[in-house]
């Protein structure tokens, strides 16, 4: 008998908030996500500080996080909510 249900693996990536690089060592990814960058992360973003009437922009760091997610799907040749065959 052929399998009706197959698992589709999806990788979901996200980035943490941009913060001063010196503060980014302790940054954690959200629950369920794995940090895929090391140390202070990647210095590829800007964060802003408001000082009186001015907004200052600084180079900051953020981490990249990844989550593996399995999505059930019907195998090839099957369809519908119960994955019925031909």
N, C-alpha and C. Protein backbone atom coordinates (compact mmCIF):
# COMPACT_ATOMS: atom_id res chain seq x y z
N UNK A 1 0.85 -1.21 0.00
CA UNK A 1 0.00 0.00 0.00
C UNK A 1 0.88 1.25 0.00
N UNK A 2 0.53 2.18 -0.89
CA UNK A 2 1.28 3.42 -0.97
C UNK A 2 0.93 4.34 0.19
N UNK A 3 1.92 5.10 0.63
CA UNK A 3 1.66 6.09 1.68
C UNK A 3 0.78 7.20 1.15
N UNK A 4 -0.17 7.64 1.96
CA UNK A 4 -1.05 8.73 1.56
C UNK A 4 -0.51 10.07 2.04
N UNK A 5 0.06 10.08 3.25
CA UNK A 5 0.52 11.34 3.85
C UNK A 5 2.04 11.42 3.80
N UNK A 6 2.56 12.56 3.37
CA UNK A 6 4.00 12.82 3.34
C UNK A 6 4.26 14.10 4.15
N UNK A 7 5.43 14.19 4.74
CA UNK A 7 5.79 15.38 5.51
C UNK A 7 6.64 16.30 4.64
N UNK A 8 6.25 17.54 4.56
CA UNK A 8 7.03 18.56 3.85
C UNK A 8 7.80 19.34 4.90
N UNK A 9 9.14 19.32 4.81
CA UNK A 9 9.95 20.06 5.78
C UNK A 9 10.15 21.49 5.31
N UNK A 10 9.82 22.43 6.17
CA UNK A 10 10.00 23.84 5.87
C UNK A 10 11.00 24.44 6.84
N UNK A 11 11.84 25.33 6.36
CA UNK A 11 12.76 26.05 7.23
C UNK A 11 12.28 27.49 7.31
N UNK A 12 12.03 27.95 8.52
CA UNK A 12 11.58 29.32 8.73
C UNK A 12 12.74 30.08 9.34
N UNK A 13 13.10 31.20 8.73
CA UNK A 13 14.19 32.02 9.28
C UNK A 13 13.64 33.36 9.72
N UNK A 14 14.22 33.91 10.76
CA UNK A 14 13.85 35.25 11.22
C UNK A 14 15.10 35.91 11.78
N UNK A 15 15.01 37.21 11.99
CA UNK A 15 16.13 37.98 12.54
C UNK A 15 15.68 38.64 13.83
N UNK A 16 16.62 38.71 14.79
CA UNK A 16 16.30 39.39 16.05
C UNK A 16 16.34 40.90 15.83
N UNK A 17 15.87 41.63 16.82
CA UNK A 17 15.85 43.09 16.74
C UNK A 17 17.27 43.64 16.67
N UNK A 18 17.43 44.76 15.99
CA UNK A 18 18.74 45.40 15.86
C UNK A 18 19.07 46.14 17.16
N UNK A 19 20.23 45.81 17.74
CA UNK A 19 20.67 46.44 19.00
C UNK A 19 22.16 46.76 18.88
N UNK A 20 22.70 47.55 19.82
CA UNK A 20 24.15 47.76 19.80
C UNK A 20 24.88 46.42 19.86
N UNK A 21 25.92 46.27 19.06
CA UNK A 21 26.62 44.98 18.96
C UNK A 21 27.12 44.50 20.32
N UNK A 22 27.56 45.42 21.17
CA UNK A 22 28.08 45.03 22.49
C UNK A 22 26.99 44.41 23.37
N UNK A 23 25.74 44.69 23.09
CA UNK A 23 24.64 44.14 23.89
C UNK A 23 24.04 42.88 23.26
N UNK A 24 24.52 42.49 22.10
CA UNK A 24 23.87 41.43 21.35
C UNK A 24 24.37 40.03 21.68
N UNK A 25 25.43 39.91 22.49
CA UNK A 25 25.94 38.58 22.86
C UNK A 25 24.88 37.74 23.56
N UNK A 26 24.09 38.39 24.40
CA UNK A 26 23.11 37.67 25.22
C UNK A 26 21.75 37.50 24.55
N UNK A 27 21.59 38.06 23.36
CA UNK A 27 20.28 38.00 22.69
C UNK A 27 19.91 36.56 22.39
N UNK A 28 18.69 36.20 22.72
CA UNK A 28 18.18 34.85 22.47
C UNK A 28 17.16 34.88 21.34
N UNK A 29 17.04 33.77 20.66
CA UNK A 29 16.01 33.63 19.64
C UNK A 29 14.68 33.32 20.33
N UNK A 30 13.56 33.58 19.67
CA UNK A 30 12.27 33.22 20.26
C UNK A 30 12.18 31.71 20.52
N UNK A 31 11.29 31.31 21.39
CA UNK A 31 11.11 29.89 21.73
C UNK A 31 10.89 29.06 20.47
N UNK A 32 11.60 27.95 20.38
CA UNK A 32 11.45 27.06 19.24
C UNK A 32 12.43 27.34 18.11
N UNK A 33 13.10 28.48 18.15
CA UNK A 33 14.07 28.85 17.11
C UNK A 33 15.49 28.58 17.59
N UNK A 34 16.38 28.24 16.67
CA UNK A 34 17.79 28.00 16.96
C UNK A 34 18.61 29.13 16.38
N UNK A 35 19.54 29.66 17.18
CA UNK A 35 20.42 30.74 16.73
C UNK A 35 21.43 30.16 15.75
N UNK A 36 21.54 30.75 14.55
CA UNK A 36 22.48 30.24 13.55
C UNK A 36 23.64 31.21 13.32
N UNK A 37 23.70 32.27 14.12
CA UNK A 37 24.84 33.19 14.07
C UNK A 37 25.54 33.13 15.42
N UNK A 38 26.81 33.52 15.46
CA UNK A 38 27.60 33.43 16.69
C UNK A 38 27.97 34.81 17.22
N UNK A 39 28.47 34.81 18.45
CA UNK A 39 29.03 36.02 19.04
C UNK A 39 28.03 37.15 19.12
N UNK A 40 28.42 38.29 18.52
CA UNK A 40 27.55 39.47 18.57
C UNK A 40 26.59 39.51 17.39
N UNK A 41 26.62 38.48 16.54
CA UNK A 41 25.71 38.44 15.40
C UNK A 41 26.28 39.14 14.19
N UNK A 42 25.40 39.60 13.32
CA UNK A 42 25.81 40.20 12.06
C UNK A 42 25.58 41.71 12.10
N UNK A 43 26.65 42.50 11.85
CA UNK A 43 26.51 43.96 11.90
C UNK A 43 25.96 44.52 10.59
N UNK A 44 24.68 44.28 10.35
CA UNK A 44 24.10 44.68 9.06
C UNK A 44 22.78 45.44 9.21
N UNK A 45 22.62 46.12 10.34
CA UNK A 45 21.36 46.83 10.54
C UNK A 45 21.64 48.14 11.27
N UNK A 46 20.60 48.95 11.41
CA UNK A 46 20.75 50.23 12.12
C UNK A 46 19.70 50.31 13.21
N UNK A 47 20.11 50.88 14.33
CA UNK A 47 19.15 51.16 15.40
C UNK A 47 19.20 52.67 15.66
N UNK A 48 18.15 53.17 16.27
CA UNK A 48 17.99 54.62 16.39
C UNK A 48 17.84 55.04 17.84
N UNK A 49 18.46 56.16 18.17
CA UNK A 49 18.31 56.76 19.50
C UNK A 49 17.79 58.17 19.34
N UNK A 50 16.77 58.48 20.10
CA UNK A 50 16.24 59.84 20.06
C UNK A 50 16.90 60.67 21.15
N UNK A 51 17.53 61.77 20.74
CA UNK A 51 18.18 62.68 21.67
C UNK A 51 17.56 64.06 21.49
N UNK A 52 16.78 64.46 22.47
CA UNK A 52 16.06 65.74 22.40
C UNK A 52 15.30 65.85 21.07
N UNK A 53 15.78 66.71 20.16
CA UNK A 53 15.03 66.93 18.91
C UNK A 53 15.60 66.14 17.74
N UNK A 54 16.65 65.36 17.99
CA UNK A 54 17.29 64.63 16.88
C UNK A 54 17.13 63.12 17.07
N UNK A 55 17.14 62.42 15.96
CA UNK A 55 17.19 60.95 16.00
C UNK A 55 18.53 60.54 15.41
N UNK A 56 19.34 59.83 16.19
CA UNK A 56 20.65 59.38 15.73
C UNK A 56 20.56 57.94 15.28
N UNK A 57 21.30 57.61 14.23
CA UNK A 57 21.30 56.26 13.67
C UNK A 57 22.68 55.65 13.88
N UNK A 58 22.71 54.41 14.37
CA UNK A 58 23.97 53.71 14.64
C UNK A 58 23.95 52.33 13.99
N UNK A 59 25.15 51.88 13.61
CA UNK A 59 25.29 50.52 13.10
C UNK A 59 25.07 49.55 14.27
N UNK A 60 24.24 48.56 14.06
CA UNK A 60 23.96 47.59 15.12
C UNK A 60 24.11 46.17 14.61
N UNK A 61 23.85 45.23 15.51
CA UNK A 61 23.96 43.81 15.18
C UNK A 61 22.63 43.11 15.45
N UNK A 62 22.43 42.01 14.75
CA UNK A 62 21.28 41.15 15.04
C UNK A 62 21.67 39.71 14.72
N UNK A 63 20.91 38.80 15.30
CA UNK A 63 21.14 37.37 15.07
C UNK A 63 20.12 36.83 14.09
N UNK A 64 20.51 35.78 13.40
CA UNK A 64 19.59 35.05 12.53
C UNK A 64 19.17 33.78 13.27
N UNK A 65 17.90 33.47 13.22
CA UNK A 65 17.35 32.31 13.91
C UNK A 65 16.61 31.44 12.90
N UNK A 66 16.58 30.13 13.18
CA UNK A 66 15.97 29.20 12.25
C UNK A 66 15.08 28.21 13.00
N UNK A 67 14.01 27.80 12.36
CA UNK A 67 13.11 26.81 12.94
C UNK A 67 12.73 25.84 11.84
N UNK A 68 12.80 24.54 12.16
CA UNK A 68 12.38 23.53 11.20
C UNK A 68 10.93 23.18 11.51
N UNK A 69 10.14 23.13 10.49
CA UNK A 69 8.70 22.96 10.67
C UNK A 69 8.25 21.88 9.70
N UNK A 70 7.51 20.89 10.19
CA UNK A 70 7.01 19.84 9.31
C UNK A 70 5.54 20.08 9.01
N UNK A 71 5.26 20.15 7.74
CA UNK A 71 3.89 20.39 7.31
C UNK A 71 3.36 19.14 6.62
N UNK A 72 2.28 18.54 7.15
CA UNK A 72 1.75 17.35 6.50
C UNK A 72 1.14 17.68 5.14
N UNK A 73 1.42 16.84 4.17
CA UNK A 73 0.87 17.02 2.83
C UNK A 73 0.47 15.65 2.31
N UNK A 74 -0.35 15.66 1.27
CA UNK A 74 -0.66 14.40 0.60
C UNK A 74 0.52 14.02 -0.30
N UNK A 75 0.83 12.73 -0.36
CA UNK A 75 1.88 12.27 -1.26
C UNK A 75 1.39 12.40 -2.70
N UNK A 76 2.33 12.29 -3.64
CA UNK A 76 1.99 12.42 -5.06
C UNK A 76 0.92 11.39 -5.44
N UNK A 77 -0.08 11.85 -6.16
CA UNK A 77 -1.15 10.94 -6.60
C UNK A 77 -2.32 10.88 -5.61
N UNK A 78 -2.23 11.59 -4.51
CA UNK A 78 -3.31 11.64 -3.52
C UNK A 78 -3.74 13.08 -3.33
N UNK A 79 -4.98 13.28 -2.92
CA UNK A 79 -5.47 14.65 -2.75
C UNK A 79 -6.62 14.69 -1.75
N UNK A 80 -7.03 15.90 -1.43
CA UNK A 80 -8.17 16.10 -0.55
C UNK A 80 -7.81 16.02 0.92
N UNK A 81 -8.80 16.30 1.79
CA UNK A 81 -8.53 16.33 3.23
C UNK A 81 -8.09 14.97 3.77
N UNK A 82 -8.51 13.87 3.13
CA UNK A 82 -8.12 12.51 3.60
C UNK A 82 -7.06 11.88 2.72
N UNK A 83 -6.49 12.67 1.79
CA UNK A 83 -5.45 12.17 0.89
C UNK A 83 -5.89 10.89 0.18
N UNK A 84 -7.03 10.95 -0.44
CA UNK A 84 -7.56 9.80 -1.16
C UNK A 84 -6.78 9.58 -2.45
N UNK A 85 -6.62 8.33 -2.86
CA UNK A 85 -5.89 7.99 -4.10
C UNK A 85 -6.80 8.02 -5.31
N UNK A 86 -6.22 7.60 -6.43
CA UNK A 86 -6.94 7.61 -7.71
C UNK A 86 -8.10 6.64 -7.71
